[in-house]
Amino acid sequence: MSTQDPDTLKLSPFSLRLMHGDFPRLERLLERVTVRAVVLRGEELLLVHSRVNGDFMFPGGGVEPGESHRDALARELREECGAELLAQGALLGETREYRNAREPDYDAYCIRSLYYLCQVAESRSQPRLQAYEQRLGFSADWHAMEEALHNNQWLLGGRCPQWTHRETRVLAQLHRWHSEGLLGPL
């Protein structure tokens, strides 16, 4: 059984917490909110691949001041994938990654990533990558969910960016839902 809207089956959005360091206190927290697009086409996801790191990640990035989540998703999909956002669907879940704060007035830095089911237009234009994304060899394309998951899981055994841990956990959750027929395209 597949559905267009996870809320129809009362799927509880996932909530994952990742700690990159030791934090005796989390009282003074500096938080950055990001959005990530989950674009599903059959067994495939629209993912960003890094030729340098070898990992797969969901398109997305930081929400700018005054920007809605939908506008941020549209901007990030255009920049990283050359894709036009047609619809923003349900919030599938969120992750919170805690890191040591560089700022002396804070105990930790938290990246809060919100994952939304999205639909994009079939045609795509040339992405407009930022300089660091170009250095990491970012390219976006459709990838089999299971292959992307296995690839990232293999990378976790060695040196990989911290975000690979986050994206692998999310891929595993989505793969589980998809295998159970609970997650379909928007």
Protein backbone atom coordinates (compact mmCIF):
# COMPACT_ATOMS: atom_id res chain seq x y z
CA MET A 1 0.00 0.00 0.00
CA SER A 2 1.42 3.37 -1.01
CA THR A 3 0.24 6.83 -0.19
CA GLN A 4 0.73 10.37 -1.40
CA ASP A 5 0.61 11.87 2.10
CA PRO A 6 2.39 10.23 5.06
CA ASP A 7 -0.12 11.89 7.40
CA THR A 8 -2.85 9.68 5.90
CA LEU A 9 -1.25 6.63 7.52
CA LYS A 10 -0.39 8.52 10.69
CA LEU A 11 3.34 8.12 10.14
CA SER A 12 5.12 9.82 12.97
CA PRO A 13 7.84 12.12 11.65
CA PHE A 14 11.25 10.80 12.62
CA SER A 15 13.39 12.70 15.11
CA LEU A 16 17.11 11.89 15.19
CA ARG A 17 19.77 13.36 17.46
CA LEU A 18 23.47 13.14 16.60
CA MET A 19 26.25 14.23 18.94
CA HIS A 20 29.60 15.19 17.37
CA GLY A 21 31.55 15.80 20.57
CA ASP A 22 31.09 15.75 24.33
CA PHE A 23 28.57 18.22 25.76
CA PRO A 24 28.22 18.34 29.53
CA ARG A 25 25.57 21.07 29.10
CA LEU A 26 23.28 22.16 26.31
CA GLU A 27 21.78 25.21 28.00
CA ARG A 28 23.33 27.88 25.77
CA LEU A 29 22.65 26.65 22.26
CA LEU A 30 23.28 28.35 18.93
CA GLU A 31 20.89 26.81 16.38
CA ARG A 32 20.84 26.93 12.58
CA VAL A 33 17.73 25.71 10.76
CA THR A 34 18.10 23.95 7.42
CA VAL A 35 15.64 22.28 5.05
CA ARG A 36 16.21 19.16 2.96
CA ALA A 37 14.18 17.96 -0.03
CA VAL A 38 13.14 14.31 -0.32
CA VAL A 39 12.22 13.84 -3.98
CA LEU A 40 11.12 10.31 -4.77
CA ARG A 41 10.61 8.71 -8.20
CA GLY A 42 9.81 5.02 -7.86
CA GLU A 43 12.81 3.42 -6.17
CA GLU A 44 15.01 6.46 -6.82
CA LEU A 45 15.75 9.68 -4.97
CA LEU A 46 17.06 12.96 -6.36
CA LEU A 47 20.34 13.17 -4.44
CA VAL A 48 23.51 15.21 -4.49
CA HIS A 49 26.72 13.19 -4.84
CA SER A 50 30.17 14.45 -3.87
CA ARG A 51 32.91 13.15 -6.17
CA VAL A 52 35.49 14.13 -3.51
CA ASN A 53 33.86 12.42 -0.49
CA GLY A 54 31.89 9.77 -2.40
CA ASP A 55 28.75 10.31 -0.31
CA PHE A 56 25.13 11.00 -1.17
CA MET A 57 23.07 13.74 0.47
CA PHE A 58 19.66 15.31 0.17
CA PRO A 59 19.47 18.69 -1.59
CA GLY A 60 19.06 21.47 0.91
CA GLY A 61 20.66 24.07 3.09
CA GLY A 62 20.16 26.92 5.51
CA VAL A 63 16.98 28.94 5.78
CA GLU A 64 17.81 32.63 5.34
CA PRO A 65 16.29 35.26 7.68
CA GLY A 66 12.72 36.01 6.60
CA GLU A 67 12.65 33.07 4.17
CA SER A 68 9.89 30.44 4.34
CA HIS A 69 10.78 26.76 4.31
CA ARG A 70 9.13 26.43 0.88
CA ASP A 71 11.20 29.31 -0.52
CA ALA A 72 14.40 27.85 0.95
CA LEU A 73 13.62 24.42 -0.56
CA ALA A 74 12.94 26.01 -3.95
CA ARG A 75 16.19 28.00 -3.81
CA GLU A 76 18.30 25.01 -2.75
CA LEU A 77 16.77 22.69 -5.36
CA ARG A 78 17.49 25.29 -8.06
CA GLU A 79 21.06 25.89 -6.86
CA GLU A 80 22.13 22.29 -6.20
CA CYS A 81 20.03 20.33 -8.72
CA GLY A 82 18.79 22.81 -11.32
CA ALA A 83 15.30 21.60 -10.37
CA GLU A 84 12.08 23.59 -10.06
CA LEU A 85 10.03 22.87 -6.93
CA LEU A 86 6.42 22.13 -7.88
CA ALA A 87 5.07 21.15 -4.46
CA GLN A 88 6.19 20.90 -0.85
CA GLY A 89 4.54 18.02 0.96
CA ALA A 90 4.59 16.64 4.46
CA LEU A 91 7.36 17.10 6.98
CA LEU A 92 8.89 13.61 7.15
CA GLY A 93 11.12 14.32 10.11
CA GLU A 94 14.04 16.23 11.55
CA THR A 95 17.57 15.74 12.74
CA ARG A 96 19.50 17.72 15.33
CA GLU A 97 23.28 17.61 15.11
CA TYR A 98 25.26 18.98 18.03
CA ARG A 99 28.83 20.20 17.60
CA ASN A 100 31.24 22.16 19.70
CA ALA A 101 30.47 25.86 19.48
CA ARG A 102 33.22 28.17 18.25
CA GLU A 103 31.53 31.10 19.93
CA PRO A 104 32.52 31.49 23.61
CA ASP A 105 28.99 32.39 24.76
CA TYR A 106 27.53 29.03 23.69
CA ASP A 107 27.79 25.44 24.93
CA ALA A 108 27.08 23.89 21.53
CA TYR A 109 26.11 24.56 17.94
CA CYS A 110 23.04 22.72 16.67
CA ILE A 111 22.13 22.16 13.03
CA ARG A 112 18.41 21.38 12.87
CA SER A 113 17.53 19.82 9.51
CA LEU A 114 13.89 19.45 8.46
CA TYR A 115 13.16 16.88 5.73
CA TYR A 116 10.17 17.57 3.45
CA LEU A 117 8.63 15.36 0.78
CA CYS A 118 8.85 17.41 -2.44
CA GLN A 119 7.87 17.21 -6.09
CA VAL A 120 9.98 18.77 -8.84
CA ALA A 121 9.51 19.39 -12.56
CA GLU A 122 10.85 16.71 -14.90
CA SER A 123 13.16 19.06 -16.79
CA ARG A 124 16.19 20.51 -15.05
CA SER A 125 18.53 23.39 -15.80
CA GLN A 126 22.19 23.91 -14.98
CA PRO A 127 22.77 24.01 -11.19
CA ARG A 128 24.35 27.13 -9.66
CA LEU A 129 26.76 25.62 -7.16
CA GLN A 130 28.56 27.64 -4.51
CA ALA A 131 32.38 27.59 -4.52
CA TYR A 132 32.68 24.96 -1.76
CA GLU A 133 30.11 22.75 -3.54
CA GLN A 134 32.18 22.97 -6.73
CA ARG A 135 35.35 22.05 -4.77
CA LEU A 136 33.56 18.97 -3.38
CA GLY A 137 32.45 17.96 -6.89
CA PHE A 138 28.72 18.13 -6.21
CA SER A 139 26.44 16.72 -8.89
CA ALA A 140 22.74 15.92 -8.64
CA ASP A 141 20.95 13.01 -10.25
CA TRP A 142 18.48 10.21 -9.61
CA HIS A 143 19.95 7.35 -7.57
CA ALA A 144 18.52 4.09 -6.31
CA MET A 145 17.65 4.57 -2.64
CA GLU A 146 19.10 1.22 -1.56
CA GLU A 147 22.38 1.77 -3.43
CA ALA A 148 22.81 5.27 -1.96
CA LEU A 149 22.14 3.89 1.52
CA HIS A 150 24.66 1.04 1.12
CA ASN A 151 27.25 3.43 -0.32
CA ASN A 152 26.94 5.81 2.63
CA GLN A 153 26.94 2.95 5.16
CA TRP A 154 30.21 1.70 3.68
CA LEU A 155 31.72 5.20 3.93
CA LEU A 156 30.88 5.37 7.65
CA GLY A 157 33.62 2.77 8.23
CA GLY A 158 36.29 5.33 7.30
CA ARG A 159 36.79 9.05 7.16
CA CYS A 160 33.73 10.92 5.98
CA PRO A 161 32.09 14.29 6.61
CA GLN A 162 29.92 14.55 9.71
CA TRP A 163 26.84 15.10 7.54
CA THR A 164 27.25 11.60 6.09
CA HIS A 165 26.16 10.18 9.46
CA ARG A 166 22.98 12.30 9.36
CA GLU A 167 22.13 11.54 5.74
CA THR A 168 22.73 7.80 6.20
CA ARG A 169 20.37 7.65 9.19
CA VAL A 170 17.69 9.49 7.20
CA LEU A 171 18.22 7.28 4.13
CA ALA A 172 17.80 4.20 6.37
CA GLN A 173 14.51 5.51 7.79
CA LEU A 174 13.12 6.41 4.38
CA HIS A 175 14.24 3.06 2.95
CA ARG A 176 12.41 1.28 5.80
CA TRP A 177 9.19 3.25 5.15
CA HIS A 178 9.47 2.75 1.40
CA SER A 179 10.06 -1.02 1.79
CA GLU A 180 6.93 -1.21 3.94
CA GLY A 181 4.92 0.66 1.27
CA LEU A 182 4.39 3.65 3.55
CA LEU A 183 6.27 6.22 1.49
CA GLY A 184 5.47 7.15 -2.07
CA PRO A 185 5.98 10.22 -4.24
CA LEU A 186 4.08 13.41 -3.52
